Structure formats: C-alpha cells, structure tokens
Amino acid sequence: MAKGRELKGRIKSVENTRKITRTMEMVATSKMKRAQDRVVAARPFANSLTEVIANLYTPELAESFPLMRQPAVIKKAAVILLTSNRGLAGAFNANLLKETRLLLSRLGEQNVEPELHVVGKKGIGYFRYIGRAVASSRTDITGQPTVANAAELVDGLILRFASAEIDAVYVIYSKFNSALSTPPTSQLVLPVTPPERKGPRPDYILMPSAEVILTQLLPSYVRNSIYRALVENEAGFQSAQRTAMKNATDNAGEMLNVLRRTFNRARQAQITQEIAEIVGGASALQG
C-alpha cells in the first residue's frame, strides 16, 4: 500500500498547485483587463498629438527644433528597456531581452555606443548576471505606470538629445495588440520623426504660432510615446502571466487525471490480490 499512499500524496500536492495557479490566473485576468483599459484610454490623446504634429510639420519649421534634429552620424544612442519585476509569465521577459540583444548588436555593427536604461528587476538581474553596465535602473514603475513615470524616464534624455550629447533614443517594450499577441518591439522615439499626414492639410488658426505650439507639443509627444510603451508593456505582462497560469492549471488537471487512473489501477490490483489470497486460503483450509 506504500505506492497507493505515495500516489495519494502526489495527487494532494498537484491539487494544491492547481488551486494556486487557478487563483493566479484569475488575478492576472483582472489585472490584464485594467491594464488593457489604460492602453485604450491612452490612444485617443496619442492619436491627436500625432495628427497635430503631422499637420504642423514643415521641413523649414523642423530646423528650429532640436528634438527633430536628424544627426548625419549617430555616435551614441540611449536604449530604454522595459521588463517586469516578477516572473511566471512564460517567455515574456526572455523575448524582451532577446530584442534588446539584437538592437545592441545592430548598434554595435554601426559603431554606435549604446547606453542602457533598464526598468524592471528581470532586466536588471539579467544584465548584472552577464556583467554589462547599466546607466540607470528602476524597479518602482511597473504595475500602474503614470505619465509622471514616463517623464522621469525620458526628460533627462530629451535634454541630452537637444544638446547633442546623444543622437538617438530607443524604447523596447511588449506591444499589446491583443491578449494573444504581445510581440517585443523596439521603437525610435528620438529624434522625432514627422508622422505621415493623411489627406489635405487643415486650415488651422494658430495662436500664438506654430513654433510656440510645437515647442510644447514635441516633448509631450516623446513623453507620451514612453507612457504608451509602459502601459502596453504592463498589459502584455499580465496577458503573458494569465496565459502561463492557464497552461499550468490545464497541465495540472491532466496530471491529476493520470495520477487518479494510476491510483485506481493500483487499488484495484491490491483488491484483486487480497481476494486471491482469501480464496487461496479458503481452498487450503478445505483441502
């Protein structure tokens, strides 16, 4: 009966594990819905910013704004990597780290000096493990990122880009297309590339002037790009964790079915053996 007791112990252990993963799946589902709502809420403002900048942009006007400076040669680039503080999300962080390695490799091939800024414990831990220097790190932004968090990440880089200390700024994050599609993405946020204008240019009445408006809008546009990356990355993480926990719950259910069948077969074999021993003993007594 030792095998039966061992199987009962394993069944109990798997049942407890399934309860935990099921609970984590439900929590991740709730958090994913809230994170997805933040992604959707961020889009109208971002679309409006893009539309206004596209309609105001002219090549002559762009020469007046440092954030639209297009360096002839890129010597130094800042890379902002967004990861999570927690794991149990499948290949979520591994995919982001792979995308980062590819970007760093491309920059190296172009003789560009990369400067790495990392958000999230998983990214910080990885680069500490491989011994690569990190210019800055944050672990307090993931969860419910704000516009203020985005400004904290990028405002210093905006000033350095405007003074030509760096020539480009990239952000790497998980783009939230849907709950099943969150590909790792690298996006160039500086210099500001003029968005493509669709349709005829509107006849704006500008107060006070296009120059003053763009002076305010361009930094907001860059901050908003980082904010969108933060909220999409969080939604991608919650989606990945939900999928991972659902798979773990399903696998635990399949394992329970196998263990219960094995336990039942072992129990039936034991009962059959006991009946055979009883019949054998009775036959011996009759003989």
Foldseek 3Di string as FASTA:
>chain_A
DVVLVVLVVVLVVLVVVLVVLVVLLVVLVVLLVVLVVVLVVLPVVLVVLLQVLLLLDDPVLLVVDLLQDQDPAFAEEEEEEEDAQDDLQPCLVVQSVVVVVVVVVVCVVSNHHYAYEYEYPVVVVVCVVVVHDHPYYYDPAADDHDLVNLCVVPVVVSVCSSVVVGPWYKYWAFAPPDLVHTHIDIDTLTSPDRDHHDDDRDDDDDVPDSNVVCVVSSVVSSSSVSVSRRSRRNSNRSSSNSVSSVVSSVVSVVVSVVSVVVSVVVVVVVVVVVVVVVVVVVVVVVD
